[in-house]
Protein backbone atom coordinates (compact mmCIF):
# COMPACT_ATOMS: atom_id res chain seq x y z
CA MET A 1 84.64 115.23 70.46
CA ALA A 2 83.45 115.86 74.01
CA ASP A 3 87.02 116.51 75.12
CA SER A 4 87.46 119.06 72.34
CA SER A 5 84.27 120.92 73.33
CA LEU A 6 85.31 120.94 76.98
CA HIS A 7 88.75 122.27 76.12
CA GLN A 8 87.22 125.06 74.03
CA ARG A 9 85.19 126.21 77.03
CA ASN A 10 88.27 125.91 79.26
CA CYS A 11 90.39 128.21 77.07
CA LEU A 12 87.72 130.56 75.68
CA ARG A 13 88.72 133.43 77.95
CA PHE A 14 92.39 133.17 77.05
CA ARG A 15 91.73 133.08 73.33
CA GLY A 16 89.32 136.02 73.65
CA LEU A 17 92.02 138.11 75.24
CA GLY A 18 94.49 136.96 72.61
CA ARG A 19 92.22 138.36 69.93
CA VAL A 20 91.98 141.61 71.88
CA ALA A 21 95.74 141.95 71.88
CA ARG A 22 95.84 141.55 68.12
CA THR A 23 93.54 144.54 67.62
CA ALA A 24 96.21 146.94 68.87
CA ALA A 25 96.89 148.06 65.33
CA MET A 26 93.28 149.28 65.05
CA GLY A 27 93.89 151.99 67.59
CA PHE A 28 94.38 152.51 71.29
CA GLY A 29 90.78 153.57 71.85
CA ILE A 30 89.36 150.37 70.40
CA LEU A 31 91.85 148.30 72.41
CA VAL A 32 90.84 149.95 75.68
CA MET A 33 87.17 149.46 74.88
CA LEU A 34 87.61 145.77 74.16
CA LEU A 35 89.71 145.20 77.25
CA GLY A 36 86.96 146.83 79.26
CA LEU A 37 84.54 144.29 77.85
CA VAL A 38 86.54 141.15 78.66
CA THR A 39 88.52 142.00 81.79
CA PRO A 40 85.69 141.78 84.40
CA GLY A 41 84.96 138.13 83.55
CA PHE A 42 88.58 137.19 84.23
CA ALA A 43 88.77 139.28 87.40
CA ASP A 44 85.92 137.27 88.89
CA ASP A 45 88.10 134.14 88.80
CA ARG A 46 90.63 135.83 91.10
CA ARG A 47 88.31 137.08 93.81
CA ASP A 48 89.30 136.53 97.44
CA VAL A 49 92.81 135.39 96.50
CA PRO A 50 95.50 136.27 99.08
CA SER A 51 97.76 139.12 98.03
CA LYS A 52 101.03 137.65 99.33
CA PRO A 53 103.50 136.46 96.67
CA PHE A 54 103.04 132.83 95.69
CA LYS A 55 106.09 130.75 96.57
CA PRO A 56 105.24 127.03 96.67
CA VAL A 57 106.57 125.15 99.67
CA ILE A 58 108.61 121.95 99.32
CA GLY A 59 109.96 119.21 101.55
CA ALA A 60 108.68 119.03 105.11
CA LYS A 61 106.68 122.25 104.72
CA PHE A 62 104.86 120.71 101.76
CA GLU A 63 103.88 117.71 103.87
CA GLU A 64 102.87 119.95 106.76
CA ALA A 65 100.64 122.01 104.47
CA LEU A 66 98.90 118.86 103.20
CA ASN A 67 98.38 117.42 106.67
CA GLN A 68 97.31 120.55 108.52
CA PRO A 69 93.55 120.47 109.30
CA LEU A 70 91.32 122.96 107.56
CA GLY A 71 87.65 123.92 107.72
CA LEU A 72 86.06 124.38 104.32
CA THR A 73 82.54 125.28 103.19
CA TRP A 74 81.81 125.73 99.47
CA THR A 75 78.46 126.10 97.74
CA ASP A 76 78.60 125.79 93.96
CA GLU A 77 82.19 127.00 93.89
CA SER A 78 83.96 126.63 90.54
CA LEU A 79 86.72 124.03 90.68
CA ARG A 80 89.48 126.30 89.32
CA THR A 81 88.66 129.20 91.64
CA GLY A 82 88.43 126.94 94.69
CA LEU A 83 91.70 125.17 93.95
CA ARG A 84 93.43 128.51 93.34
CA LYS A 85 92.30 129.73 96.78
CA LEU A 86 93.54 126.55 98.47
CA SER A 87 96.81 126.70 96.54
CA GLU A 88 97.64 130.27 97.44
CA THR A 89 96.37 130.04 101.03
CA ARG A 90 98.56 127.01 101.79
CA GLN A 91 101.31 127.98 99.31
CA ILE A 92 101.26 124.62 97.54
CA SER A 93 101.36 123.95 93.81
CA ILE A 94 98.11 122.48 92.45
CA LEU A 95 98.00 121.74 88.72
CA LEU A 96 94.57 121.22 87.14
CA ASP A 97 94.62 119.22 83.91
CA ARG A 98 93.69 121.18 80.77
CA ARG A 99 90.98 118.63 79.91
CA VAL A 100 89.03 119.27 83.10
CA ASP A 101 86.16 121.79 82.93
CA PRO A 102 87.38 124.57 85.29
CA GLU A 103 83.80 125.69 85.92
CA THR A 104 82.77 122.35 87.44
CA LYS A 105 80.69 123.27 90.50
CA ILE A 106 81.71 121.91 93.89
CA SER A 107 79.75 121.99 97.16
CA ILE A 108 81.45 120.76 100.30
CA ASP A 109 81.27 121.28 104.06
CA LEU A 110 84.17 119.88 106.11
CA GLN A 111 85.53 120.73 109.55
CA ARG A 112 89.13 120.23 110.67
CA THR A 113 90.05 117.96 107.79
CA PRO A 114 93.62 117.62 106.46
CA LEU A 115 94.04 119.41 103.15
CA ARG A 116 95.19 116.13 101.58
CA ASP A 117 91.83 114.52 102.39
CA ILE A 118 89.90 117.62 101.30
CA LEU A 119 91.55 117.48 97.89
CA ARG A 120 90.74 113.79 97.52
CA GLN A 121 87.09 114.43 98.40
CA LEU A 122 86.94 117.29 95.90
CA CYS A 123 88.34 114.96 93.23
CA GLU A 124 85.88 112.21 94.11
CA GLN A 125 82.96 114.64 93.81
CA ALA A 126 84.22 115.87 90.44
CA GLY A 127 85.01 112.36 89.16
CA LEU A 128 88.73 113.12 88.95
CA GLY A 129 91.96 111.57 90.19
CA LEU A 130 94.86 113.01 92.18
CA SER A 131 98.57 112.29 92.01
CA VAL A 132 101.35 113.76 94.13
CA VAL A 133 104.31 114.27 91.81
CA GLY A 134 107.27 115.52 93.80
CA HIS A 135 105.96 118.75 95.35
CA THR A 136 103.08 119.28 92.93
CA ILE A 137 99.48 118.14 93.32
CA TYR A 138 98.24 117.08 89.88
CA ILE A 139 94.48 116.74 89.43
CA GLY A 140 93.11 115.26 86.23
CA PRO A 141 91.33 112.31 84.60
CA THR A 142 91.73 109.10 86.58
CA THR A 143 93.05 107.33 83.49
CA THR A 144 96.05 109.67 83.65
CA THR A 145 96.55 109.91 87.42
CA ARG A 146 96.70 106.11 87.70
CA ARG A 147 99.65 105.94 85.28
CA LEU A 148 101.51 109.20 85.80
CA ARG A 149 103.92 108.41 88.65
CA THR A 150 104.71 104.98 87.25
CA VAL A 151 105.55 106.41 83.82
CA ILE A 152 107.69 109.07 85.52
CA GLU A 153 109.64 106.42 87.41
CA LEU A 154 110.14 104.31 84.29
CA GLN A 155 111.42 107.30 82.32
CA THR A 156 113.65 108.39 85.21
CA ASP A 157 115.22 104.93 85.18
CA GLN A 158 115.69 105.23 81.43
CA LEU A 159 117.45 108.57 81.85
CA LEU A 160 119.79 107.23 84.53
CA GLY A 161 120.66 104.26 82.33
CA GLY A 162 120.56 100.53 82.90
CA VAL A 163 123.23 98.48 84.61
CA ASN A 164 125.11 97.88 81.34
CA SER A 165 124.64 101.36 79.91
CA PRO A 166 127.97 102.99 78.93
CA PHE A 167 126.42 106.47 79.10
CA LYS A 168 125.98 108.83 82.01
CA PRO A 169 123.39 111.63 81.87
CA PRO A 170 124.69 115.21 81.87
CA LEU A 171 125.04 116.65 85.36
CA ALA A 172 122.37 119.29 84.69
CA LEU A 173 119.75 116.53 84.29
CA LEU A 174 120.47 115.26 87.80
CA GLN A 175 119.33 118.48 89.44
CA ARG A 176 115.88 119.62 90.54
CA ARG A 177 114.59 123.00 89.45
CA SER A 178 111.40 125.07 89.63
CA LEU A 179 109.16 126.42 86.88
CA GLN A 180 106.46 129.10 87.05
CA TRP A 181 104.38 130.60 84.27
CA ASP A 182 101.77 133.33 83.82
CA ASP A 183 98.27 133.33 82.37
CA PHE A 184 98.04 132.82 78.60
CA ASP A 185 101.36 130.98 78.41
CA ARG A 186 101.62 128.14 75.87
CA PRO A 187 102.54 124.57 76.89
CA ALA A 188 104.92 124.37 73.91
CA HIS A 189 106.71 127.37 75.41
CA LEU A 190 106.83 125.63 78.79
CA THR A 191 108.48 122.52 77.34
CA SER A 192 111.05 124.76 75.63
CA ARG A 193 111.78 126.48 78.94
CA ILE A 194 112.19 123.11 80.65
CA ALA A 195 114.69 122.07 77.98
CA GLU A 196 116.62 125.32 78.54
CA LEU A 197 116.57 124.86 82.32
CA PHE A 198 118.17 121.43 82.14
CA GLY A 199 120.22 121.79 78.96
CA PHE A 200 118.74 119.28 76.50
CA LYS A 201 116.92 119.44 73.16
CA ILE A 202 113.39 118.40 72.21
CA GLU A 203 113.46 116.41 68.97
CA ASN A 204 109.78 116.83 68.02
CA PRO A 205 108.39 119.94 69.79
CA GLU A 206 105.52 120.09 67.29
CA ARG A 207 103.87 117.15 69.11
CA VAL A 208 102.68 119.58 71.80
CA PRO A 209 99.64 121.35 70.28
CA HIS A 210 98.97 125.07 70.52
CA ASP A 211 97.10 125.94 73.70
CA LEU A 212 96.76 128.76 76.24
CA TRP A 213 97.04 127.93 79.92
CA PRO A 214 96.26 129.69 83.20
CA SER A 215 99.17 130.49 85.51
CA GLY A 216 100.81 127.64 87.38
CA SER A 217 103.99 126.26 88.90
CA ILE A 218 106.01 123.06 89.24
CA PRO A 219 108.46 123.50 92.15
CA ASN A 220 111.66 121.55 92.87
CA ALA A 221 111.15 118.93 90.17
CA SER A 222 113.32 116.71 87.99
CA PRO A 223 113.27 117.21 84.21
CA THR A 224 111.23 114.01 83.77
CA GLU A 225 108.62 115.15 86.31
CA MET A 226 108.31 118.57 84.70
CA LEU A 227 107.98 117.29 81.15
CA LEU A 228 105.41 114.64 82.01
CA LEU A 229 103.27 117.00 84.09
CA VAL A 230 102.89 119.02 80.90
CA ALA A 231 102.94 116.27 78.25
CA ALA A 232 100.53 113.88 80.02
CA GLN A 233 97.78 116.48 79.58
CA PHE A 234 98.00 115.77 75.84
CA ASP A 235 98.25 111.97 76.36
CA LEU A 236 101.97 112.17 75.65
CA SER A 237 104.96 110.60 77.36
CA ILE A 238 108.69 111.01 76.65
CA GLU A 239 111.70 108.94 75.64
CA TRP A 240 115.21 110.04 76.55
CA HIS A 241 118.13 109.77 74.18
CA PRO A 242 120.64 107.27 75.69
CA LYS A 243 123.13 110.09 76.29
CA GLY A 244 120.51 112.37 77.84
CA THR A 245 121.17 115.06 75.25
CA SER A 246 117.63 115.11 73.88
CA VAL A 247 114.11 113.85 74.42
CA ARG A 248 111.21 113.04 72.13
CA PHE A 249 107.48 112.98 72.78
CA VAL A 250 105.68 109.66 72.31
CA PRO A 251 102.12 108.48 73.07
CA LEU A 252 101.36 107.93 76.74
CA PRO A 253 101.14 104.14 77.27
CA ASP A 254 97.71 102.69 78.02
CA SER A 255 99.15 100.99 81.10
CA ALA A 256 102.40 101.09 83.06
CA SER A 257 103.90 98.87 85.74
CA ILE A 258 107.15 98.34 87.61
CA GLU A 259 108.52 95.01 88.82
CA ARG A 260 109.76 94.69 92.41
CA SER A 261 110.41 91.77 94.74
CA TYR A 262 109.17 91.37 98.32
CA GLU A 263 110.35 89.01 101.01
CA VAL A 264 107.43 87.37 102.79
CA LYS A 265 108.55 85.41 105.85
CA SER A 266 105.50 83.20 106.33
CA LYS A 267 102.29 82.08 104.62
CA THR A 268 103.47 83.39 101.28
CA PRO A 269 100.60 81.95 99.16
CA GLU A 270 98.00 83.43 101.55
CA VAL A 271 99.66 86.85 101.44
CA VAL A 272 99.80 86.81 97.64
CA SER A 273 96.14 85.81 97.42
CA ALA A 274 95.18 88.67 99.75
CA TRP A 275 97.19 91.12 97.63
CA GLN A 276 95.51 89.98 94.43
CA VAL A 277 92.07 90.42 95.99
CA GLN A 278 92.94 93.93 97.21
CA PHE A 279 94.74 94.91 94.00
CA PRO A 280 93.20 92.92 91.11
CA SER A 281 95.44 94.55 88.50
CA ILE A 282 98.79 93.46 89.97
CA ARG A 283 100.67 90.40 88.71
CA ALA A 284 102.48 88.35 91.34
CA SER A 285 104.53 85.16 91.30
CA VAL A 286 106.18 83.32 94.20
CA LYS A 287 109.87 82.45 94.06
CA GLY A 288 110.98 80.81 97.30
CA SER A 289 110.47 83.29 100.14
CA LYS A 290 110.17 86.19 97.73
CA VAL A 291 107.24 87.47 95.72
CA LEU A 292 107.86 89.13 92.36
CA VAL A 293 105.19 91.79 91.78
CA SER A 294 104.42 93.89 88.71
CA ALA A 295 102.31 96.92 89.71
CA THR A 296 102.03 100.70 89.68
CA VAL A 297 104.08 102.88 92.02
CA GLU A 298 101.04 103.51 94.23
CA GLU A 299 100.25 99.79 94.44
CA HIS A 300 103.84 99.00 95.38
CA GLU A 301 103.67 101.62 98.13
CA ALA A 302 100.50 100.06 99.51
CA LEU A 303 102.01 96.56 99.36
CA ALA A 304 105.12 97.70 101.21
CA ALA A 305 102.95 99.33 103.86
CA SER A 306 100.94 96.13 104.28
CA LEU A 307 104.17 94.29 105.04
CA ARG A 308 105.03 97.01 107.56
CA ALA A 309 108.30 97.62 105.80
CA PRO A 310 110.59 99.63 108.12
CA ARG A 311 110.53 102.69 105.94
CA THR A 312 108.19 105.63 105.92
CA THR A 313 104.91 105.13 104.10
CA PRO A 314 104.15 106.94 100.84
CA THR A 315 104.49 110.70 100.83
CA ASN A 316 100.87 111.11 99.78
CA THR A 317 99.58 109.46 103.01
CA GLN A 318 102.32 109.95 105.62
CA PRO A 319 102.20 112.78 108.21
CA ALA A 320 105.19 115.08 108.16
CA THR A 321 108.22 113.65 109.94
CA THR A 322 109.10 115.62 113.06
CA GLY A 323 112.58 114.24 113.50
CA THR A 324 115.07 111.65 112.27
CA LYS A 325 115.12 109.13 115.12
CA ALA A 326 111.79 107.37 114.51
CA VAL A 327 112.37 106.64 110.82
CA THR A 328 114.16 103.49 109.67
CA PHE A 329 114.95 102.14 106.22
CA THR A 330 115.41 98.73 104.66
CA PHE A 331 117.29 98.85 101.36
CA GLU A 332 118.63 96.19 99.02
CA ILE A 333 120.08 97.83 95.93
CA LYS A 334 122.47 96.47 93.35
CA SER A 335 124.42 98.64 90.93
CA ALA A 336 122.13 101.67 91.22
CA PRO A 337 123.30 105.23 90.48
CA LEU A 338 123.81 107.41 93.54
CA LEU A 339 121.23 109.90 92.27
CA ALA A 340 118.65 107.13 91.78
CA ILE A 341 119.11 106.07 95.40
CA MET A 342 118.65 109.68 96.54
CA GLN A 343 115.48 109.98 94.49
CA ALA A 344 114.18 106.71 95.96
CA VAL A 345 114.74 108.06 99.48
CA GLU A 346 112.91 111.29 98.59
CA SER A 347 109.96 109.44 97.02
CA LYS A 348 109.58 107.00 99.93
CA SER A 349 110.09 109.40 102.82
CA ASN A 350 109.79 113.03 103.88
CA PHE A 351 113.50 113.74 103.40
CA VAL A 352 114.62 116.17 100.69
CA PHE A 353 118.24 116.55 99.54
CA ALA A 354 119.63 120.04 98.99
CA TYR A 355 122.96 120.46 97.21
CA ASP A 356 124.89 122.44 94.62
CA ALA A 357 125.55 120.05 91.74
CA ASP A 358 128.24 122.29 90.28
CA GLU A 359 130.09 122.37 93.61
CA LEU A 360 130.00 118.58 93.87
CA LYS A 361 131.19 118.20 90.29
CA ALA A 362 134.09 120.64 90.90
CA ALA A 363 135.10 118.46 93.85
CA GLY A 364 135.24 115.40 91.57
CA ILE A 365 132.04 113.83 92.91
CA ASP A 366 130.06 111.72 90.44
CA LEU A 367 126.32 111.48 91.19
CA THR A 368 125.95 108.71 88.61
CA ARG A 369 128.41 106.46 90.45
CA ARG A 370 126.83 103.04 91.02
CA LEU A 371 126.48 101.55 94.49
CA ASP A 372 125.49 98.27 96.13
CA ILE A 373 123.62 98.75 99.42
CA LYS A 374 121.88 96.28 101.71
CA MET A 375 120.61 97.57 105.05
CA THR A 376 117.90 96.50 107.48
CA LYS A 377 116.15 98.88 109.87
CA ALA A 378 118.84 101.48 109.33
CA SER A 379 118.50 104.91 110.86
CA PRO A 380 118.63 107.86 108.43
CA ALA A 381 122.15 108.70 109.62
CA ASP A 382 123.37 105.12 109.07
CA LEU A 383 121.77 104.98 105.63
CA PHE A 384 123.21 108.32 104.54
CA HIS A 385 126.67 107.34 105.77
CA ALA A 386 126.41 104.19 103.64
CA ILE A 387 125.27 106.20 100.61
CA PHE A 388 127.62 109.18 100.82
CA ASP A 389 130.79 108.33 102.70
CA ASP A 390 132.53 106.48 99.88
CA SER A 391 131.55 109.29 97.50
CA GLN A 392 133.24 111.93 99.67
CA ILE A 393 129.97 113.72 100.37
CA ALA A 394 129.25 115.23 103.78
CA PHE A 395 125.65 115.50 104.95
CA ALA A 396 123.90 117.51 107.67
CA PHE A 397 120.27 117.43 108.83
CA ASP A 398 118.19 120.60 108.72
CA GLY A 399 114.83 119.25 109.83
CA ASN A 400 113.73 117.03 106.94
CA THR A 401 116.19 118.66 104.56
CA VAL A 402 119.50 116.83 104.13
CA ARG A 403 122.17 119.31 103.03
CA LEU A 404 125.01 117.81 100.98
CA THR A 405 128.47 119.29 100.53
CA ALA A 406 131.82 118.04 99.31
CA ARG A 407 133.79 116.51 102.14
CA ARG A 408 136.84 118.52 103.08
CA LYS A 409 140.09 116.80 102.35
CA PRO A 410 142.39 116.34 105.38
C-alpha cells in the first residue's frame, strides 16, 4: 500500500500532462491554458542542467567518470534533480528505480570525493542500494540491488546455454546495444523496443504494468541487462526460451546465488571461517585444496579480491586502468562459449570489446563456440591470444577498448 502511494506521487506529473494531452479535442485555447498551468512545475526539475547533448560514456571513460574527484554541496536537494545533474555533468547513465520517491531530500557536503563514493553516500542517506550494471548506475531498494547482478548473470548463462545444450542463441542476442527514452515513455514500450533491438519476442508483455517514466538511458548493454533493469522495478525477472527466440517475465526470485570454486593454498578452514564471518549469507564447503562457494556476484568479487587473485578487482571499486601491462588474469574455464568468456573479462576488468557481429558472422566466426582455457597470471595480450586465435579473430588495443576483426586469410 505504501509502495502504491509512493508511486502515485512519483508519476503524478506525468499523468497530469497525459490528461492535458487528451483535452486537445476541447480546443486549442483550453489546451494552451492547461499546459501553462502544469509546465512550470516540470521545468523546475530541469533547472541548472547542462545544455550539451547527453551521450553516456562507456568503457574506460565510464570508469574515469566514476573515479574522478568532485566537490559537492547540496542542501535539501531532491534526489531526482540531483542525480540528473550528476548524470548529465559526468555524462553517465543513472537509473532511479520507479519505486523511489524522487522528491526525497538530500543534504551533503563533500570535497574532492570520487563520484562513485558520492553516489554510495547519497544512497546510504536515502536508505537505498546501488548496483553497477554494465555501464549503467542503478539506484533502488536494497532488496533489489542485492540480487540484480546475480540474477542477470544467471539469466545470461541460461541464454548462452549449458554445456549439453544443443541450441545456440541467435547472433543478434550476443551483441550489446544502447537504449534511450524520453519523458512520459511507458516501460511496456521500452521492453517492446528492447525486443525489436535484439530480434526476439516477449511471450507475456502484459506482465509489465502501465506506467509513465522520466527520460533515461541504458548504454552498451546486453539484452538480459536491459530487460532486467526495466523488469526488476516491478519485481520481475525473465526466462529465456532455449532457442533464444523469445523471453517471458516471471517473478523476481527472493534470493539468488552463483556457485564458484576457489583454490586456497594454506589454512583452508581458517580462510573459510573468516569468509563466513565477513559474509554471513554465503555457503561454503571445503573439497581438498578448493573451496566451493555459493554467493552473489558482489560477494564472489570480494572473495576473489581477498585472495588477491591476479585479475582486476570489481568494476564498481577499481580505478580506471591506464594501460595493459599491469593487469594479469587467472582463468580456468571448461566448455564455455566464447561470448561468455568475453563477458566475464568485461565484468571483471576495465576492458570493453568492440566488434561488428555481422562482419564476424560473414567471416564464418562463431561467437558461441565453446573453449577450454586455463591460464595463470596471463597478460591481457596472452589471454586474448588464447581466446581469439583459434577462432580466427584479430584483436587490437585502443586504450581499454579491445577492437575485434576477422583475421585476414593468407
